[in-house]
Amino acid sequence: MKRAIFAIAAAGLLTTACASDPYGYGGTNETVRQGAAGAAIGAVAGAIIGNNVGDGSAGTGAAIGAAVGGAAGAIRGSNQDRANQRRNYDQQRGAYYYCYPEGDCYWEDGTRRNPPRY
């Protein structure tokens, strides 16, 4: 039982330690927040399931749960980030584009709208 609690605590620390905003906006980034939350929840659920099923390895279950939960949370957060971005319409091209706070803009297909600033 002590190994299971240790595995849960270690997985939670490892997943939340990497939860920072990689773009440096200083604001909330749903991809990072929900990815970390999903990883933490997945680690706990995986450790519980792993401890009670199969060979009884809570650590393996926590690692698998953290990976699956983190990926699911990051996908959900990425969709929310995209929905929260300002969506603009270019009448000349007849297409929508998104702009990030630092000024970089991208078409909906992912190509850059404006040239990079150096």
PDB file of N, CA and C in Angstrom:
ATOM      1  N   MET A   1       0.821  -1.194   0.000  1.00  0.00           N
ATOM      2  CA  MET A   1       0.000   0.000   0.000  1.00  0.00           C
ATOM      3  C   MET A   1       0.865   1.259   0.000  1.00  0.00           C
ATOM      4  N   LYS A   2       1.990   1.201   0.733  1.00  0.00           N
ATOM      5  CA  LYS A   2       2.873   2.367   0.766  1.00  0.00           C
ATOM      6  C   LYS A   2       3.469   2.644  -0.612  1.00  0.00           C
ATOM      7  N   ARG A   3       3.753   1.572  -1.354  1.00  0.00           N
ATOM      8  CA  ARG A   3       4.297   1.753  -2.710  1.00  0.00           C
ATOM      9  C   ARG A   3       3.278   2.419  -3.610  1.00  0.00           C
ATOM     10  N   ALA A   4       2.004   2.078  -3.454  1.00  0.00           N
ATOM     11  CA  ALA A   4       0.948   2.669  -4.273  1.00  0.00           C
ATOM     12  C   ALA A   4       0.818   4.161  -3.975  1.00  0.00           C
ATOM     13  N   ILE A   5       0.836   4.535  -2.725  1.00  0.00           N
ATOM     14  CA  ILE A   5       0.736   5.955  -2.352  1.00  0.00           C
ATOM     15  C   ILE A   5       1.953   6.713  -2.856  1.00  0.00           C
ATOM     16  N   PHE A   6       3.129   6.109  -2.721  1.00  0.00           N
ATOM     17  CA  PHE A   6       4.335   6.754  -3.228  1.00  0.00           C
ATOM     18  C   PHE A   6       4.283   6.927  -4.746  1.00  0.00           C
ATOM     19  N   ALA A   7       3.795   5.918  -5.450  1.00  0.00           N
ATOM     20  CA  ALA A   7       3.693   5.996  -6.914  1.00  0.00           C
ATOM     21  C   ALA A   7       2.722   7.085  -7.333  1.00  0.00           C
ATOM     22  N   ILE A   8       1.609   7.197  -6.642  1.00  0.00           N
ATOM     23  CA  ILE A   8       0.630   8.241  -6.956  1.00  0.00           C
ATOM     24  C   ILE A   8       1.236   9.622  -6.707  1.00  0.00           C
ATOM     25  N   ALA A   9       1.884   9.798  -5.584  1.00  0.00           N
ATOM     26  CA  ALA A   9       2.491  11.089  -5.265  1.00  0.00           C
ATOM     27  C   ALA A   9       3.600  11.445  -6.256  1.00  0.00           C
ATOM     28  N   ALA A  10       4.423  10.490  -6.605  1.00  0.00           N
ATOM     29  CA  ALA A  10       5.517  10.753  -7.548  1.00  0.00           C
ATOM     30  C   ALA A  10       4.980  11.097  -8.926  1.00  0.00           C
ATOM     31  N   ALA A  11       3.979  10.377  -9.382  1.00  0.00           N
ATOM     32  CA  ALA A  11       3.404  10.664 -10.696  1.00  0.00           C
ATOM     33  C   ALA A  11       2.766  12.044 -10.708  1.00  0.00           C
ATOM     34  N   GLY A  12       2.089  12.394  -9.651  1.00  0.00           N
ATOM     35  CA  GLY A  12       1.478  13.723  -9.573  1.00  0.00           C
ATOM     36  C   GLY A  12       2.516  14.829  -9.580  1.00  0.00           C
ATOM     37  N   LEU A  13       3.593  14.646  -8.844  1.00  0.00           N
ATOM     38  CA  LEU A  13       4.659  15.651  -8.828  1.00  0.00           C
ATOM     39  C   LEU A  13       5.330  15.789 -10.189  1.00  0.00           C
ATOM     40  N   LEU A  14       5.594  14.668 -10.821  1.00  0.00           N
ATOM     41  CA  LEU A  14       6.252  14.714 -12.128  1.00  0.00           C
ATOM     42  C   LEU A  14       5.390  15.381 -13.185  1.00  0.00           C
ATOM     43  N   THR A  15       4.103  15.119 -13.165  1.00  0.00           N
ATOM     44  CA  THR A  15       3.238  15.699 -14.202  1.00  0.00           C
ATOM     45  C   THR A  15       2.979  17.172 -13.961  1.00  0.00           C
ATOM     46  N   THR A  16       2.822  17.588 -12.718  1.00  0.00           N
ATOM     47  CA  THR A  16       2.543  18.999 -12.468  1.00  0.00           C
ATOM     48  C   THR A  16       3.807  19.845 -12.504  1.00  0.00           C
ATOM     49  N   ALA A  17       4.971  19.246 -12.368  1.00  0.00           N
ATOM     50  CA  ALA A  17       6.218  20.011 -12.424  1.00  0.00           C
ATOM     51  C   ALA A  17       6.461  20.588 -13.812  1.00  0.00           C
ATOM     52  N   CYS A  18       5.931  19.952 -14.820  1.00  0.00           N
ATOM     53  CA  CYS A  18       6.123  20.409 -16.197  1.00  0.00           C
ATOM     54  C   CYS A  18       5.005  21.327 -16.673  1.00  0.00           C
ATOM     55  N   ALA A  19       4.091  21.685 -15.809  1.00  0.00           N
ATOM     56  CA  ALA A  19       2.940  22.492 -16.215  1.00  0.00           C
ATOM     57  C   ALA A  19       3.290  23.975 -16.186  1.00  0.00           C
ATOM     58  N   SER A  20       3.907  24.445 -17.246  1.00  0.00           N
ATOM     59  CA  SER A  20       4.201  25.863 -17.383  1.00  0.00           C
ATOM     60  C   SER A  20       3.756  26.312 -18.757  1.00  0.00           C
ATOM     61  N   ASP A  21       3.606  27.605 -18.936  1.00  0.00           N
ATOM     62  CA  ASP A  21       3.164  28.152 -20.206  1.00  0.00           C
ATOM     63  C   ASP A  21       4.362  28.233 -21.146  1.00  0.00           C
ATOM     64  N   PRO A  22       4.462  27.372 -22.160  1.00  0.00           N
ATOM     65  CA  PRO A  22       5.640  27.360 -23.013  1.00  0.00           C
ATOM     66  C   PRO A  22       5.757  28.592 -23.901  1.00  0.00           C
ATOM     67  N   TYR A  23       4.677  29.347 -24.030  1.00  0.00           N
ATOM     68  CA  TYR A  23       4.717  30.517 -24.898  1.00  0.00           C
ATOM     69  C   TYR A  23       5.036  31.794 -24.146  1.00  0.00           C
ATOM     70  N   GLY A  24       5.058  31.737 -22.829  1.00  0.00           N
ATOM     71  CA  GLY A  24       5.453  32.880 -22.026  1.00  0.00           C
ATOM     72  C   GLY A  24       4.444  34.006 -21.999  1.00  0.00           C
ATOM     73  N   TYR A  25       3.167  33.703 -22.222  1.00  0.00           N
ATOM     74  CA  TYR A  25       2.165  34.765 -22.196  1.00  0.00           C
ATOM     75  C   TYR A  25       1.888  35.256 -20.785  1.00  0.00           C
ATOM     76  N   GLY A  26       2.123  34.419 -19.819  1.00  0.00           N
ATOM     77  CA  GLY A  26       1.840  34.794 -18.446  1.00  0.00           C
ATOM     78  C   GLY A  26       0.369  34.629 -18.094  1.00  0.00           C
ATOM     79  N   GLY A  27      -0.465  34.363 -19.054  1.00  0.00           N
ATOM     80  CA  GLY A  27      -1.885  34.168 -18.812  1.00  0.00           C
ATOM     81  C   GLY A  27      -2.203  32.694 -18.703  1.00  0.00           C
ATOM     82  N   THR A  28      -3.473  32.403 -18.813  1.00  0.00           N
ATOM     83  CA  THR A  28      -3.877  31.013 -18.728  1.00  0.00           C
ATOM     84  C   THR A  28      -3.793  30.373 -20.103  1.00  0.00           C
ATOM     85  N   ASN A  29      -3.205  29.230 -20.149  1.00  0.00           N
ATOM     86  CA  ASN A  29      -3.103  28.452 -21.368  1.00  0.00           C
ATOM     87  C   ASN A  29      -3.815  27.136 -21.073  1.00  0.00           C
ATOM     88  N   GLU A  30      -4.973  26.954 -21.683  1.00  0.00           N
ATOM     89  CA  GLU A  30      -5.791  25.796 -21.367  1.00  0.00           C
ATOM     90  C   GLU A  30      -5.127  24.477 -21.754  1.00  0.00           C
ATOM     91  N   THR A  31      -4.309  24.483 -22.798  1.00  0.00           N
ATOM     92  CA  THR A  31      -3.630  23.258 -23.203  1.00  0.00           C
ATOM     93  C   THR A  31      -2.737  22.756 -22.073  1.00  0.00           C
ATOM     94  N   VAL A  32      -1.982  23.655 -21.481  1.00  0.00           N
ATOM     95  CA  VAL A  32      -1.069  23.278 -20.404  1.00  0.00           C
ATOM     96  C   VAL A  32      -1.844  22.922 -19.139  1.00  0.00           C
ATOM     97  N   ARG A  33      -2.808  23.764 -18.774  1.00  0.00           N
ATOM     98  CA  ARG A  33      -3.565  23.536 -17.542  1.00  0.00           C
ATOM     99  C   ARG A  33      -4.331  22.219 -17.592  1.00  0.00           C
ATOM    100  N   GLN A  34      -5.067  21.999 -18.672  1.00  0.00           N
ATOM    101  CA  GLN A  34      -5.878  20.793 -18.734  1.00  0.00           C
ATOM    102  C   GLN A  34      -5.040  19.554 -19.006  1.00  0.00           C
ATOM    103  N   GLY A  35      -3.915  19.725 -19.686  1.00  0.00           N
ATOM    104  CA  GLY A  35      -3.000  18.598 -19.862  1.00  0.00           C
ATOM    105  C   GLY A  35      -2.428  18.131 -18.538  1.00  0.00           C
ATOM    106  N   ALA A  36      -2.041  19.085 -17.688  1.00  0.00           N
ATOM    107  CA  ALA A  36      -1.505  18.732 -16.372  1.00  0.00           C
ATOM    108  C   ALA A  36      -2.586  18.118 -15.484  1.00  0.00           C
ATOM    109  N   ALA A  37      -3.785  18.694 -15.536  1.00  0.00           N
ATOM    110  CA  ALA A  37      -4.878  18.146 -14.729  1.00  0.00           C
ATOM    111  C   ALA A  37      -5.236  16.733 -15.195  1.00  0.00           C
ATOM    112  N   GLY A  38      -5.293  16.540 -16.513  1.00  0.00           N
ATOM    113  CA  GLY A  38      -5.591  15.212 -17.041  1.00  0.00           C
ATOM    114  C   GLY A  38      -4.529  14.202 -16.665  1.00  0.00           C
ATOM    115  N   ALA A  39      -3.265  14.619 -16.683  1.00  0.00           N
ATOM    116  CA  ALA A  39      -2.179  13.720 -16.312  1.00  0.00           C
ATOM    117  C   ALA A  39      -2.264  13.344 -14.832  1.00  0.00           C
ATOM    118  N   ALA A  40      -2.577  14.311 -13.997  1.00  0.00           N
ATOM    119  CA  ALA A  40      -2.678  14.033 -12.561  1.00  0.00           C
ATOM    120  C   ALA A  40      -3.847  13.096 -12.271  1.00  0.00           C
ATOM    121  N   ILE A  41      -5.000  13.383 -12.867  1.00  0.00           N
ATOM    122  CA  ILE A  41      -6.172  12.529 -12.658  1.00  0.00           C
ATOM    123  C   ILE A  41      -5.916  11.126 -13.228  1.00  0.00           C
ATOM    124  N   GLY A  42      -5.304  11.082 -14.416  1.00  0.00           N
ATOM    125  CA  GLY A  42      -4.987   9.794 -15.026  1.00  0.00           C
ATOM    126  C   GLY A  42      -3.998   8.985 -14.208  1.00  0.00           C
ATOM    127  N   ALA A  43      -3.033   9.667 -13.586  1.00  0.00           N
ATOM    128  CA  ALA A  43      -2.049   8.967 -12.761  1.00  0.00           C
ATOM    129  C   ALA A  43      -2.703   8.340 -11.538  1.00  0.00           C
ATOM    130  N   VAL A  44      -3.593   9.090 -10.912  1.00  0.00           N
ATOM    131  CA  VAL A  44      -4.285   8.558  -9.733  1.00  0.00           C
ATOM    132  C   VAL A  44      -5.166   7.370 -10.130  1.00  0.00           C
ATOM    133  N   ALA A  45      -5.967   7.560 -11.184  1.00  0.00           N
ATOM    134  CA  ALA A  45      -6.843   6.476 -11.627  1.00  0.00           C
ATOM    135  C   ALA A  45      -6.031   5.267 -12.088  1.00  0.00           C
ATOM    136  N   GLY A  46      -4.943   5.502 -12.820  1.00  0.00           N
ATOM    137  CA  GLY A  46      -4.104   4.406 -13.285  1.00  0.00           C
ATOM    138  C   GLY A  46      -3.444   3.647 -12.156  1.00  0.00           C
ATOM    139  N   ALA A  47      -3.018   4.383 -11.118  1.00  0.00           N
ATOM    140  CA  ALA A  47      -2.392   3.716  -9.970  1.00  0.00           C
ATOM    141  C   ALA A  47      -3.398   2.850  -9.224  1.00  0.00           C
ATOM    142  N   ILE A  48      -4.612   3.355  -9.081  1.00  0.00           N
ATOM    143  CA  ILE A  48      -5.649   2.567  -8.387  1.00  0.00           C
ATOM    144  C   ILE A  48      -5.983   1.315  -9.188  1.00  0.00           C
ATOM    145  N   ILE A  49      -6.189   1.503 -10.496  1.00  0.00           N
ATOM    146  CA  ILE A  49      -6.517   0.352 -11.346  1.00  0.00           C
ATOM    147  C   ILE A  49      -5.340  -0.610 -11.425  1.00  0.00           C
ATOM    148  N   GLY A  50      -4.124  -0.077 -11.608  1.00  0.00           N
ATOM    149  CA  GLY A  50      -2.938  -0.932 -11.713  1.00  0.00           C
ATOM    150  C   GLY A  50      -2.662  -1.717 -10.449  1.00  0.00           C
ATOM    151  N   ASN A  51      -3.000  -1.139  -9.305  1.00  0.00           N
ATOM    152  CA  ASN A  51      -2.784  -1.825  -8.031  1.00  0.00           C
ATOM    153  C   ASN A  51      -3.757  -2.989  -7.841  1.00  0.00           C
ATOM    154  N   ASN A  52      -4.940  -2.875  -8.440  1.00  0.00           N
ATOM    155  CA  ASN A  52      -5.985  -3.881  -8.224  1.00  0.00           C
ATOM    156  C   ASN A  52      -6.145  -4.868  -9.368  1.00  0.00           C
ATOM    157  N   VAL A  53      -5.495  -4.629 -10.494  1.00  0.00           N
ATOM    158  CA  VAL A  53      -5.671  -5.476 -11.670  1.00  0.00           C
ATOM    159  C   VAL A  53      -4.299  -5.953 -12.148  1.00  0.00           C
ATOM    160  N   GLY A  54      -4.265  -7.100 -12.763  1.00  0.00           N
ATOM    161  CA  GLY A  54      -3.024  -7.603 -13.363  1.00  0.00           C
ATOM    162  C   GLY A  54      -2.005  -7.984 -12.320  1.00  0.00           C
ATOM    163  N   ASP A  55      -0.755  -7.529 -12.517  1.00  0.00           N
ATOM    164  CA  ASP A  55       0.326  -7.913 -11.612  1.00  0.00           C
ATOM    165  C   ASP A  55       0.391  -7.033 -10.365  1.00  0.00           C
ATOM    166  N   GLY A  56      -0.530  -6.075 -10.211  1.00  0.00           N
ATOM    167  CA  GLY A  56      -0.572  -5.238  -9.023  1.00  0.00           C
ATOM    168  C   GLY A  56       0.446  -4.124  -9.007  1.00  0.00           C
ATOM    169  N   SER A  57       0.897  -3.692 -10.170  1.00  0.00           N
ATOM    170  CA  SER A  57       1.900  -2.635 -10.248  1.00  0.00           C
ATOM    171  C   SER A  57       1.233  -1.261 -10.345  1.00  0.00           C
ATOM    172  N   ALA A  58       1.209  -0.550  -9.226  1.00  0.00           N
ATOM    173  CA  ALA A  58       0.610   0.782  -9.203  1.00  0.00           C
ATOM    174  C   ALA A  58       1.444   1.773 -10.009  1.00  0.00           C
ATOM    175  N   GLY A  59       2.749   1.603  -9.998  1.00  0.00           N
ATOM    176  CA  GLY A  59       3.624   2.522 -10.733  1.00  0.00           C
ATOM    177  C   GLY A  59       3.403   2.458 -12.232  1.00  0.00           C
ATOM    178  N   THR A  60       3.275   1.251 -12.763  1.00  0.00           N
ATOM    179  CA  THR A  60       3.015   1.092 -14.194  1.00  0.00           C
ATOM    180  C   THR A  60       1.656   1.674 -14.556  1.00  0.00           C
ATOM    181  N   GLY A  61       0.664   1.405 -13.738  1.00  0.00           N
ATOM    182  CA  GLY A  61      -0.674   1.950 -13.978  1.00  0.00           C
ATOM    183  C   GLY A  61      -0.677   3.464 -13.924  1.00  0.00           C
ATOM    184  N   ALA A  62       0.068   4.033 -12.979  1.00  0.00           N
ATOM    185  CA  ALA A  62       0.137   5.491 -12.861  1.00  0.00           C
ATOM    186  C   ALA A  62       0.806   6.111 -14.080  1.00  0.00           C
ATOM    187  N   ALA A  63       1.855   5.470 -14.564  1.00  0.00           N
ATOM    188  CA  ALA A  63       2.550   6.001 -15.745  1.00  0.00           C
ATOM    189  C   ALA A  63       1.655   5.955 -16.976  1.00  0.00           C
ATOM    190  N   ILE A  64       0.969   4.855 -17.179  1.00  0.00           N
ATOM    191  CA  ILE A  64       0.070   4.734 -18.333  1.00  0.00           C
ATOM    192  C   ILE A  64      -1.091   5.708 -18.190  1.00  0.00           C
ATOM    193  N   GLY A  65      -1.663   5.790 -16.996  1.00  0.00           N
ATOM    194  CA  GLY A  65      -2.771   6.713 -16.760  1.00  0.00           C
ATOM    195  C   GLY A  65      -2.367   8.164 -16.954  1.00  0.00           C
ATOM    196  N   ALA A  66      -1.156   8.523 -16.516  1.00  0.00           N
ATOM    197  CA  ALA A  66      -0.679   9.894 -16.690  1.00  0.00           C
ATOM    198  C   ALA A  66      -0.495  10.229 -18.161  1.00  0.00           C
ATOM    199  N   ALA A  67       0.026   9.296 -18.920  1.00  0.00           N
ATOM    200  CA  ALA A  67       0.232   9.537 -20.353  1.00  0.00           C
ATOM    201  C   ALA A  67      -1.100   9.699 -21.085  1.00  0.00           C
ATOM    202  N   VAL A  68      -2.028   8.808 -20.822  1.00  0.00           N
ATOM    203  CA  VAL A  68      -3.329   8.877 -21.496  1.00  0.00           C
ATOM    204  C   VAL A  68      -4.114  10.104 -21.032  1.00  0.00           C
ATOM    205  N   GLY A  69      -4.142  10.338 -19.734  1.00  0.00           N
ATOM    206  CA  GLY A  69      -4.857  11.497 -19.199  1.00  0.00           C
ATOM    207  C   GLY A  69      -4.254  12.806 -19.649  1.00  0.00           C
ATOM    208  N   GLY A  70      -2.930  12.877 -19.691  1.00  0.00           N
ATOM    209  CA  GLY A  70      -2.264  14.091 -20.152  1.00  0.00           C
ATOM    210  C   GLY A  70      -2.561  14.392 -21.605  1.00  0.00           C
ATOM    211  N   ALA A  71      -2.541  13.360 -22.432  1.00  0.00           N
ATOM    212  CA  ALA A  71      -2.845  13.559 -23.855  1.00  0.00           C
ATOM    213  C   ALA A  71      -4.291  13.996 -24.050  1.00  0.00           C
ATOM    214  N   ALA A  72      -5.210  13.355 -23.348  1.00  0.00           N
ATOM    215  CA  ALA A  72      -6.626  13.722 -23.476  1.00  0.00           C
ATOM    216  C   ALA A  72      -6.867  15.149 -22.984  1.00  0.00           C
ATOM    217  N   GLY A  73      -6.254  15.509 -21.865  1.00  0.00           N
ATOM    218  CA  GLY A  73      -6.410  16.862 -21.345  1.00  0.00           C
ATOM    219  C   GLY A  73      -5.802  17.913 -22.258  1.00  0.00           C
ATOM    220  N   ALA A  74      -4.650  17.608 -22.837  1.00  0.00           N
ATOM    221  CA  ALA A  74      -4.005  18.563 -23.744  1.00  0.00           C
ATOM    222  C   ALA A  74      -4.828  18.763 -25.013  1.00  0.00           C
ATOM    223  N   ILE A  75      -5.416  17.698 -25.522  1.00  0.00           N
ATOM    224  CA  ILE A  75      -6.260  17.833 -26.716  1.00  0.00           C
ATOM    225  C   ILE A  75      -7.473  18.691 -26.403  1.00  0.00           C
ATOM    226  N   ARG A  76      -8.101  18.438 -25.274  1.00  0.00           N
ATOM    227  CA  ARG A  76      -9.272  19.226 -24.884  1.00  0.00           C
ATOM    228  C   ARG A  76      -8.880  20.688 -24.664  1.00  0.00           C
ATOM    229  N   GLY A  77      -7.772  20.926 -23.995  1.00  0.00           N
ATOM    230  CA  GLY A  77      -7.320  22.290 -23.750  1.00  0.00           C
ATOM    231  C   GLY A  77      -6.938  23.015 -25.028  1.00  0.00           C
ATOM    232  N   SER A  78      -6.322  22.297 -25.962  1.00  0.00           N
ATOM    233  CA  SER A  78      -5.963  22.904 -27.244  1.00  0.00           C
ATOM    234  C   SER A  78      -7.195  23.354 -27.998  1.00  0.00           C
ATOM    235  N   ASN A  79      -8.247  22.544 -27.957  1.00  0.00           N
ATOM    236  CA  ASN A  79      -9.496  22.951 -28.603  1.00  0.00           C
ATOM    237  C   ASN A  79     -10.088  24.188 -27.945  1.00  0.00           C
ATOM    238  N   GLN A  80      -9.979  24.294 -26.630  1.00  0.00           N
ATOM    239  CA  GLN A  80     -10.483  25.477 -25.940  1.00  0.00           C
ATOM    240  C   GLN A  80      -9.628  26.696 -26.244  1.00  0.00           C
ATOM    241  N   ASP A  81      -8.301  26.523 -26.322  1.00  0.00           N
ATOM    242  CA  ASP A  81      -7.428  27.653 -26.687  1.00  0.00           C
ATOM    243  C   ASP A  81      -7.787  28.192 -28.058  1.00  0.00           C
ATOM    244  N   ARG A  82      -8.016  27.312 -28.986  1.00  0.00           N
ATOM    245  CA  ARG A  82      -8.369  27.734 -30.338  1.00  0.00           C
ATOM    246  C   ARG A  82      -9.712  28.460 -30.348  1.00  0.00           C
ATOM    247  N   ALA A  83     -10.662  27.983 -29.562  1.00  0.00           N
ATOM    248  CA  ALA A  83     -11.968  28.625 -29.489  1.00  0.00           C
ATOM    249  C   ALA A  83     -11.875  30.000 -28.834  1.00  0.00           C
ATOM    250  N   ASN A  84     -10.907  30.177 -27.928  1.00  0.00           N
ATOM    251  CA  ASN A  84     -10.758  31.449 -27.231  1.00  0.00           C
ATOM    252  C   ASN A  84      -9.988  32.492 -28.043  1.00  0.00           C
ATOM    253  N   GLN A  85      -9.311  32.070 -29.082  1.00  0.00           N
ATOM    254  CA  GLN A  85      -8.558  33.020 -29.897  1.00  0.00           C
ATOM    255  C   GLN A  85      -9.515  33.880 -30.703  1.00  0.00           C
ATOM    256  N   ARG A  86      -9.033  35.035 -31.041  1.00  0.00           N
ATOM    257  CA  ARG A  86      -9.830  35.930 -31.864  1.00  0.00           C
ATOM    258  C   ARG A  86      -9.783  35.440 -33.307  1.00  0.00           C
ATOM    259  N   ARG A  87     -10.935  35.233 -33.884  1.00  0.00           N
ATOM    260  CA  ARG A  87     -11.034  34.734 -35.253  1.00  0.00           C
ATOM    261  C   ARG A  87     -11.405  35.890 -36.172  1.00  0.00           C
ATOM    262  N   ASN A  88     -10.601  36.091 -37.193  1.00  0.00           N
ATOM    263  CA  ASN A  88     -10.804  37.195 -38.134  1.00  0.00           C
ATOM    264  C   ASN A  88     -11.086  36.642 -39.525  1.00  0.00           C
ATOM    265  N   TYR A  89     -11.715  37.458 -40.339  1.00  0.00           N
ATOM    266  CA  TYR A  89     -12.041  37.046 -41.706  1.00  0.00           C
ATOM    267  C   TYR A  89     -11.353  37.972 -42.693  1.00  0.00           C
ATOM    268  N   ASP A  90     -10.619  37.404 -43.645  1.00  0.00           N
ATOM    269  CA  ASP A  90      -9.957  38.165 -44.703  1.00  0.00           C
ATOM    270  C   ASP A  90     -10.839  38.091 -45.950  1.00  0.00           C
ATOM    271  N   GLN A  91     -11.430  39.232 -46.336  1.00  0.00           N
ATOM    272  CA  GLN A  91     -12.364  39.244 -47.464  1.00  0.00           C
ATOM    273  C   GLN A  91     -11.662  38.985 -48.795  1.00  0.00           C
ATOM    274  N   GLN A  92     -10.422  39.451 -48.944  1.00  0.00           N
ATOM    275  CA  GLN A  92      -9.711  39.233 -50.205  1.00  0.00           C
ATOM    276  C   GLN A  92      -9.469  37.744 -50.460  1.00  0.00           C
ATOM    277  N   ARG A  93      -9.051  37.042 -49.432  1.00  0.00           N
ATOM    278  CA  ARG A  93      -8.766  35.617 -49.582  1.00  0.00           C
ATOM    279  C   ARG A  93     -10.011  34.754 -49.355  1.00  0.00           C
ATOM    280  N   GLY A  94     -10.979  35.298 -48.617  1.00  0.00           N
ATOM    281  CA  GLY A  94     -12.185  34.550 -48.319  1.00  0.00           C
ATOM    282  C   GLY A  94     -11.951  33.439 -47.313  1.00  0.00           C
ATOM    283  N   ALA A  95     -11.086  33.703 -46.319  1.00  0.00           N
ATOM    284  CA  ALA A  95     -10.747  32.679 -45.334  1.00  0.00           C
ATOM    285  C   ALA A  95     -10.568  33.315 -43.960  1.00  0.00           C
ATOM    286  N   TYR A  96     -10.712  32.493 -42.929  1.00  0.00           N
ATOM    287  CA  TYR A  96     -10.524  32.949 -41.557  1.00  0.00           C
ATOM    288  C   TYR A  96      -9.076  32.733 -41.118  1.00  0.00           C
ATOM    289  N   TYR A  97      -8.635  33.579 -40.165  1.00  0.00           N
ATOM    290  CA  TYR A  97      -7.308  33.433 -39.581  1.00  0.00           C
ATOM    291  C   TYR A  97      -7.368  33.782 -38.105  1.00  0.00           C
ATOM    292  N   TYR A  98      -6.360  33.288 -37.359  1.00  0.00           N
ATOM    293  CA  TYR A  98      -6.256  33.496 -35.922  1.00  0.00           C
ATOM    294  C   TYR A  98      -4.982  34.265 -35.625  1.00  0.00           C
ATOM    295  N   CYS A  99      -5.024  35.107 -34.597  1.00  0.00           N
ATOM    296  CA  CYS A  99      -3.837  35.854 -34.180  1.00  0.00           C
ATOM    297  C   CYS A  99      -3.522  35.562 -32.719  1.00  0.00           C
ATOM    298  N   TYR A 100      -2.240  35.392 -32.430  1.00  0.00           N
ATOM    299  CA  TYR A 100      -1.773  35.205 -31.064  1.00  0.00           C
ATOM    300  C   TYR A 100      -1.437  36.568 -30.470  1.00  0.00           C
ATOM    301  N   PRO A 101      -1.355  36.664 -29.137  1.00  0.00           N
ATOM    302  CA  PRO A 101      -1.123  37.965 -28.493  1.00  0.00           C
ATOM    303  C   PRO A 101       0.155  38.673 -28.938  1.00  0.00           C
ATOM    304  N   GLU A 102       1.207  37.928 -29.297  1.00  0.00           N
ATOM    305  CA  GLU A 102       2.450  38.594 -29.700  1.00  0.00           C
ATOM    306  C   GLU A 102       2.396  39.104 -31.136  1.00  0.00           C
ATOM    307  N   GLY A 103       1.306  38.829 -31.856  1.00  0.00           N
ATOM    308  CA  GLY A 103       1.128  39.381 -33.192  1.00  0.00           C
ATOM    309  C   GLY A 103       1.244  38.403 -34.339  1.00  0.00           C
ATOM    310  N   ASP A 104       1.620  37.163 -34.085  1.00  0.00           N
ATOM    311  CA  ASP A 104       1.724  36.178 -35.157  1.00  0.00           C
ATOM    312  C   ASP A 104       0.326  35.712 -35.543  1.00  0.00           C
ATOM    313  N   CYS A 105       0.051  35.698 -36.841  1.00  0.00           N
ATOM    314  CA  CYS A 105      -1.260  35.285 -37.329  1.00  0.00           C
ATOM    315  C   CYS A 105      -1.115  34.087 -38.262  1.00  0.00           C
ATOM    316  N   TYR A 106      -2.084  33.174 -38.207  1.00  0.00           N
ATOM    317  CA  TYR A 106      -2.063  31.957 -39.002  1.00  0.00           C
ATOM    318  C   TYR A 106      -3.440  31.724 -39.624  1.00  0.00           C
ATOM    319  N   TRP A 107      -3.420  31.201 -40.849  1.00  0.00           N
ATOM    320  CA  TRP A 107      -4.666  30.795 -41.494  1.00  0.00           C
ATOM    321  C   TRP A 107      -5.189  29.561 -40.794  1.00  0.00           C
ATOM    322  N   GLU A 108      -6.447  29.213 -41.045  1.00  0.00           N
ATOM    323  CA  GLU A 108      -7.038  28.050 -40.389  1.00  0.00           C
ATOM    324  C   GLU A 108      -6.329  26.743 -40.735  1.00  0.00           C
ATOM    325  N   ASP A 109      -5.670  26.682 -41.894  1.00  0.00           N
ATOM    326  CA  ASP A 109      -4.962  25.456 -42.266  1.00  0.00           C
ATOM    327  C   ASP A 109      -3.582  25.347 -41.616  1.00  0.00           C
ATOM    328  N   GLY A 110      -3.198  26.367 -40.818  1.00  0.00           N
ATOM    329  CA  GLY A 110      -1.942  26.321 -40.081  1.00  0.00           C
ATOM    330  C   GLY A 110      -0.799  27.082 -40.715  1.00  0.00           C
ATOM    331  N   THR A 111      -0.958  27.567 -41.952  1.00  0.00           N
ATOM    332  CA  THR A 111       0.121  28.332 -42.583  1.00  0.00           C
ATOM    333  C   THR A 111       0.147  29.749 -42.040  1.00  0.00           C
ATOM    334  N   ARG A 112       1.344  30.326 -42.028  1.00  0.00           N
ATOM    335  CA  ARG A 112       1.511  31.675 -41.481  1.00  0.00           C
ATOM    336  C   ARG A 112       0.888  32.706 -42.403  1.00  0.00           C
ATOM    337  N   ARG A 113       0.140  33.636 -41.812  1.00  0.00           N
ATOM    338  CA  ARG A 113      -0.499  34.701 -42.580  1.00  0.00           C
ATOM    339  C   ARG A 113       0.461  35.860 -42.818  1.00  0.00           C
ATOM    340  N   ASN A 114       1.171  36.255 -41.790  1.00  0.00           N
ATOM    341  CA  ASN A 114       2.087  37.387 -41.897  1.00  0.00           C
ATOM    342  C   ASN A 114       3.538  36.895 -41.803  1.00  0.00           C
ATOM    343  N   PRO A 115       4.451  37.596 -42.427  1.00  0.00           N
ATOM    344  CA  PRO A 115       5.866  37.158 -42.342  1.00  0.00           C
ATOM    345  C   PRO A 115       6.399  37.320 -40.921  1.00  0.00           C
ATOM    346  N   PRO A 116       7.349  36.495 -40.518  1.00  0.00           N
ATOM    347  CA  PRO A 116       7.900  36.610 -39.160  1.00  0.00           C
ATOM    348  C   PRO A 116       8.640  37.919 -38.973  1.00  0.00           C
ATOM    349  N   ARG A 117       8.531  38.447 -37.755  1.00  0.00           N
ATOM    350  CA  ARG A 117       9.245  39.694 -37.403  1.00  0.00           C
ATOM    351  C   ARG A 117      10.524  39.329 -36.664  1.00  0.00           C
ATOM    352  N   TYR A 118      11.634  39.912 -37.068  1.00  0.00           N
ATOM    353  CA  TYR A 118      12.921  39.616 -36.422  1.00  0.00           C
ATOM    354  C   TYR A 118      13.486  40.846 -35.776  1.00  0.00           C
TER     355      TYR A 118
END
